[in-house]
Protein backbone atom coordinates (compact mmCIF):
# COMPACT_ATOMS: atom_id res chain seq x y z
CA MET A 1 0.00 0.00 0.00
CA VAL A 2 1.36 3.45 -0.88
CA LEU A 3 1.10 5.91 2.00
CA PRO A 4 0.98 9.70 1.59
CA ALA A 5 4.27 11.50 1.84
CA ALA A 6 3.21 13.23 5.05
CA LEU A 7 2.33 9.91 6.68
CA PRO A 8 5.36 7.72 7.55
CA SER A 9 4.58 4.02 7.37
CA SER A 10 5.63 3.68 11.02
CA VAL A 11 2.57 5.74 12.01
CA VAL A 12 0.12 3.16 10.67
CA PRO A 13 -0.25 -0.03 12.74
CA PRO A 14 1.00 -3.15 10.90
CA SER A 15 -2.44 -4.75 11.29
CA LEU A 16 -4.03 -1.85 9.38
CA GLN A 17 -1.39 -2.00 6.65
CA GLU A 18 -2.06 -5.72 6.27
CA LEU A 19 -5.81 -5.10 6.11
CA ALA A 20 -5.38 -2.43 3.44
CA GLU A 21 -3.29 -4.80 1.32
CA ARG A 22 -5.92 -7.54 1.59
CA ILE A 23 -8.92 -5.38 0.70
CA ARG A 24 -7.71 -3.36 -2.25
CA PRO A 25 -10.57 -2.28 -4.56
CA VAL A 26 -11.72 -4.85 -7.09
CA VAL A 27 -13.53 -2.22 -9.19
CA LEU A 28 -11.27 -0.58 -11.75
CA ALA A 29 -10.47 3.10 -11.12
CA ARG A 30 -11.68 4.05 -14.59
CA GLN A 31 -15.19 3.01 -13.60
CA ALA A 32 -16.12 6.37 -12.12
CA VAL A 33 -19.65 5.46 -10.95
CA VAL A 34 -20.18 2.77 -8.31
CA PRO A 35 -23.72 1.33 -8.44
CA VAL A 36 -26.44 1.84 -5.81
CA LEU A 37 -29.76 0.04 -5.34
CA GLU A 38 -32.36 1.07 -7.92
CA PRO A 39 -34.65 3.04 -5.53
CA LEU A 40 -31.65 5.17 -4.51
CA GLU A 41 -30.49 6.02 -8.03
CA ARG A 42 -32.70 9.12 -8.07
CA LEU A 43 -30.75 10.53 -5.13
CA MET A 44 -27.53 10.46 -7.14
CA PRO A 45 -26.91 13.01 -9.93
CA ASP A 46 -25.18 10.32 -11.99
CA GLY A 47 -27.26 7.39 -10.80
CA GLY A 48 -24.57 6.05 -8.48
CA LEU A 49 -21.70 6.89 -6.12
CA ILE A 50 -19.06 9.03 -7.81
CA ARG A 51 -15.49 8.01 -7.12
CA GLY A 52 -13.47 10.62 -5.28
CA SER A 53 -16.53 12.24 -3.74
CA THR A 54 -17.69 12.95 -0.19
CA ILE A 55 -21.33 12.35 0.75
CA THR A 56 -22.80 13.54 4.03
CA ILE A 57 -25.99 12.07 5.49
CA GLY A 58 -27.76 13.61 8.48
CA GLY A 59 -30.95 13.02 10.44
CA VAL A 60 -32.81 10.12 12.00
CA GLY A 61 -32.22 7.09 9.79
CA ALA A 62 -28.91 8.43 8.41
CA THR A 63 -27.02 5.26 9.32
CA SER A 64 -29.61 3.03 7.65
CA LEU A 65 -29.47 5.14 4.48
CA ALA A 66 -25.65 5.01 4.46
CA LEU A 67 -25.72 1.22 4.65
CA GLN A 68 -28.24 1.01 1.81
CA LEU A 69 -26.08 3.29 -0.34
CA SER A 70 -23.21 0.84 0.23
CA THR A 71 -25.16 -2.36 -0.40
CA ALA A 72 -24.89 -2.60 -4.19
CA ALA A 73 -21.16 -1.82 -4.10
CA SER A 74 -20.63 -4.51 -1.47
CA GLN A 75 -22.66 -7.06 -3.43
CA SER A 76 -20.65 -6.34 -6.58
CA GLY A 77 -17.36 -7.11 -4.81
CA SER A 78 -16.25 -3.76 -3.35
CA TRP A 79 -14.99 -3.49 0.21
CA VAL A 80 -16.87 -1.27 2.68
CA VAL A 81 -15.11 -0.10 5.85
CA VAL A 82 -16.94 1.50 8.77
CA VAL A 83 -14.81 3.87 10.87
CA GLY A 84 -16.33 4.69 14.25
CA LEU A 85 -20.11 4.22 14.64
CA ASN A 86 -19.50 1.91 17.58
CA ASP A 87 -23.25 1.82 18.26
CA LEU A 88 -23.88 0.16 14.89
CA ALA A 89 -25.02 -3.42 15.45
CA PRO A 90 -23.49 -6.01 13.09
CA VAL A 91 -26.98 -7.44 12.56
CA ALA A 92 -27.98 -4.13 10.95
CA VAL A 93 -25.28 -4.66 8.33
CA LEU A 94 -26.62 -8.14 7.57
CA GLU A 95 -30.20 -6.85 7.41
CA ALA A 96 -29.05 -4.26 4.86
CA ASN A 97 -27.82 -7.18 2.69
CA LEU A 98 -24.20 -6.09 2.61
CA ASN A 99 -21.76 -8.87 1.82
CA ALA A 100 -20.50 -9.95 5.25
CA GLU A 101 -17.20 -11.01 3.67
CA ARG A 102 -16.65 -7.54 2.19
CA ILE A 103 -17.06 -5.30 5.23
CA ALA A 104 -14.69 -4.31 8.03
CA PHE A 105 -15.12 -2.28 11.22
CA ILE A 106 -12.40 -0.02 12.61
CA ASP A 107 -12.61 1.62 16.01
CA PRO A 108 -9.97 4.39 16.26
CA GLY A 109 -10.83 4.83 19.94
CA ASN A 110 -9.48 7.91 21.69
CA SER A 111 -6.04 7.71 20.10
CA GLY A 112 -6.60 10.76 17.89
CA ARG A 113 -5.24 8.69 14.99
CA HIS A 114 -8.46 8.48 12.99
CA VAL A 115 -7.15 10.92 10.36
CA ASP A 116 -4.15 8.66 9.76
CA VAL A 117 -6.46 5.65 9.62
CA LEU A 118 -8.65 7.37 7.00
CA ALA A 119 -5.63 8.42 4.94
CA ALA A 120 -4.41 4.82 4.91
CA LEU A 121 -7.81 3.46 3.86
CA ILE A 122 -8.41 5.95 1.03
CA GLY A 123 -7.27 4.24 -2.13
CA ALA A 124 -7.21 0.84 -0.42
CA VAL A 125 -11.00 0.37 -0.26
CA ASP A 126 -13.89 1.60 -2.39
CA VAL A 127 -16.36 2.86 0.24
CA ILE A 128 -15.59 4.33 3.66
CA VAL A 129 -18.46 5.03 6.08
CA LEU A 130 -17.29 7.56 8.66
CA ASP A 131 -18.78 8.58 12.00
CA ALA A 132 -19.28 12.36 11.88
CA ARG A 133 -18.66 12.52 15.63
CA LEU A 134 -14.93 11.97 15.05
CA SER A 135 -13.27 15.38 15.14
CA LEU A 136 -11.48 16.77 12.10
CA ARG A 137 -9.59 20.01 11.60
CA PRO A 138 -10.08 22.06 8.41
CA SER A 139 -6.61 21.04 7.27
CA ASP A 140 -7.54 17.39 7.80
CA GLY A 141 -10.67 17.83 5.69
CA ARG A 142 -8.74 19.39 2.82
CA ARG A 143 -6.07 16.70 2.95
CA LEU A 144 -8.62 13.87 2.90
CA ALA A 145 -10.67 15.47 0.11
CA SER A 146 -7.55 15.81 -2.05
CA ARG A 147 -6.60 12.19 -1.41
CA LEU A 148 -10.12 11.01 -2.22
CA ARG A 149 -10.01 12.76 -5.60
CA GLU A 150 -6.59 11.31 -6.31
CA ARG A 151 -7.29 7.72 -5.25
CA GLY A 152 -10.98 7.35 -6.18
CA SER A 153 -12.45 6.11 -2.90
CA ILE A 154 -15.89 7.27 -1.72
CA LEU A 155 -16.41 8.78 1.73
CA ILE A 156 -19.88 8.60 3.30
CA VAL A 157 -20.09 10.67 6.48
CA VAL A 158 -22.94 9.70 8.81
CA SER A 159 -24.42 12.10 11.35
CA PRO A 160 -27.49 10.61 13.09
CA GLY A 161 -27.81 13.85 15.08
CA GLY A 162 -27.97 15.91 11.90
CA THR A 163 -24.82 18.00 12.42
CA VAL A 164 -21.91 17.31 10.06
CA ASN A 165 -18.38 18.46 10.76
CA PRO A 166 -17.89 21.72 8.79
CA SER A 167 -14.29 20.70 8.09
CA LEU A 168 -15.62 18.25 5.49
CA SER A 169 -16.74 19.80 2.20
CA ALA A 170 -19.51 17.58 0.82
CA ASP A 171 -20.04 17.01 -2.89
CA LEU A 172 -23.50 15.67 -2.07
CA SER A 173 -25.58 16.22 1.08
CA LEU A 174 -28.55 14.06 2.06
CA THR A 175 -30.87 15.04 4.91
CA VAL A 176 -33.38 12.54 6.30
CA SER A 177 -36.54 14.01 7.81
CA ASP A 178 -40.20 13.30 8.59
CA ALA A 179 -39.50 9.70 9.61
CA GLN A 180 -42.75 7.89 10.43
CA TRP A 181 -43.16 4.22 11.29
CA GLU A 182 -46.15 2.35 9.88
CA GLY A 183 -47.93 -0.75 11.20
CA LEU A 184 -48.71 0.20 14.80
CA GLY A 185 -52.27 0.78 15.94
CA CYS A 186 -53.53 1.95 19.32
CA GLY A 187 -51.66 -0.46 21.56
CA TYR A 188 -51.31 -3.23 19.01
CA GLY A 189 -49.58 -4.20 15.78
CA HIS A 190 -46.00 -4.56 14.55
CA LEU A 191 -43.58 -2.10 12.97
CA ARG A 192 -43.71 -2.85 9.25
CA SER A 193 -42.02 0.00 7.42
CA ARG A 194 -40.68 3.52 7.90
CA HIS A 195 -41.57 6.40 5.61
CA ILE A 196 -38.84 9.05 5.24
CA CYS A 197 -38.20 12.15 3.17
CA VAL A 198 -34.70 12.70 1.84
CA GLY A 199 -33.56 16.17 0.86
CA VAL A 200 -30.69 16.33 -1.63
CA ASN A 201 -28.33 19.17 -2.49
CA GLY A 202 -24.69 19.65 -3.24
CA ARG A 203 -22.17 21.00 -5.69
CA GLY A 204 -21.59 20.67 -9.43
CA ARG A 205 -23.99 18.16 -10.97
CA ALA A 206 -25.67 17.83 -7.58
CA SER A 207 -26.31 21.57 -7.23
CA ARG A 208 -30.03 21.22 -7.99
CA THR A 209 -32.20 20.72 -4.91
CA ALA A 210 -34.21 17.50 -4.90
CA ARG A 211 -36.55 15.68 -2.57
CA CYS A 212 -37.41 11.99 -2.52
CA GLU A 213 -39.81 9.92 -0.41
CA LEU A 214 -38.66 6.42 0.49
CA LEU A 215 -39.63 3.46 2.63
CA LEU A 216 -36.60 2.49 4.72
CA PRO A 217 -37.13 -0.27 5.56
CA ALA A 218 -39.98 -1.31 3.27
CA ILE A 219 -42.35 -4.15 4.06
CA ASP A 220 -40.81 -6.64 1.65
CA ALA A 221 -37.44 -5.01 0.91
CA GLN A 222 -34.67 -2.98 2.51
CA VAL A 223 -35.59 0.20 0.64
CA ALA A 224 -38.32 1.19 -1.81
CA ILE A 225 -39.88 4.27 -3.37
CA ALA A 226 -42.86 5.42 -1.31
CA GLU A 227 -46.25 4.90 -2.96
CA SER A 228 -47.17 8.54 -2.32
CA GLU A 229 -44.26 9.55 -4.52
CA ARG A 230 -45.26 7.14 -7.25
CA GLU A 231 -48.71 8.71 -7.25
CA ASP A 232 -47.97 12.43 -7.15
CA GLY A 233 -44.39 12.62 -8.46
CA THR A 234 -43.07 14.76 -5.60
CA VAL A 235 -39.45 14.03 -6.43
CA VAL A 236 -37.45 16.64 -8.31
CA ALA A 237 -35.09 14.49 -10.34
CA PHE A 238 -31.59 15.40 -11.50
CA SER A 239 -31.02 15.99 -15.17
CA ARG A 240 -28.48 13.56 -16.62
């Protein structure tokens, strides 16, 4: 694995270097768009995850949406690495249908080394899901963004509380709101699905504001387009 000039190899634990060597991307760098599940294509200006980009997701259900955005990549052979998010249950990853053999969890703890960990992973894996609660300085954000563009990895920053570190400049921002569970009556019933609204904005091709209604989870799938959207066409789609 090639480390950045500012990051001596001695800084990175041998176990992490070994992991990075084992999980190098299997998708060729020239393939600029990494696929997402069909219901999520309308959230992406190019119909998929753009290599070298940073995506931020905030709001209740942000972690679930981040996993769903990673599912198709995982199923097609890409590695997904979760950094932080210690409250994420492994069963949630399996329920999202990610390939259990293509995902790794890294807990940087309180060492303050998470920036070095991220720098080592960028270029070694396709998709990195990052806990927004890990602190970053503006200089760290610029350094990571430059490395992402150079190496072609995708960074998905998850903020369940809705606040994303301003040191990270997002190419695409997703905001989950109006989450409502369906299936419960007055003291009876079972949770069947959750209706959410996803607001989309960003830079460049993603500069147009969009809104999409999804079921996450759906009754018979992990994610689906809400019936209300199918009926009234509330989504404002990107031009391609």
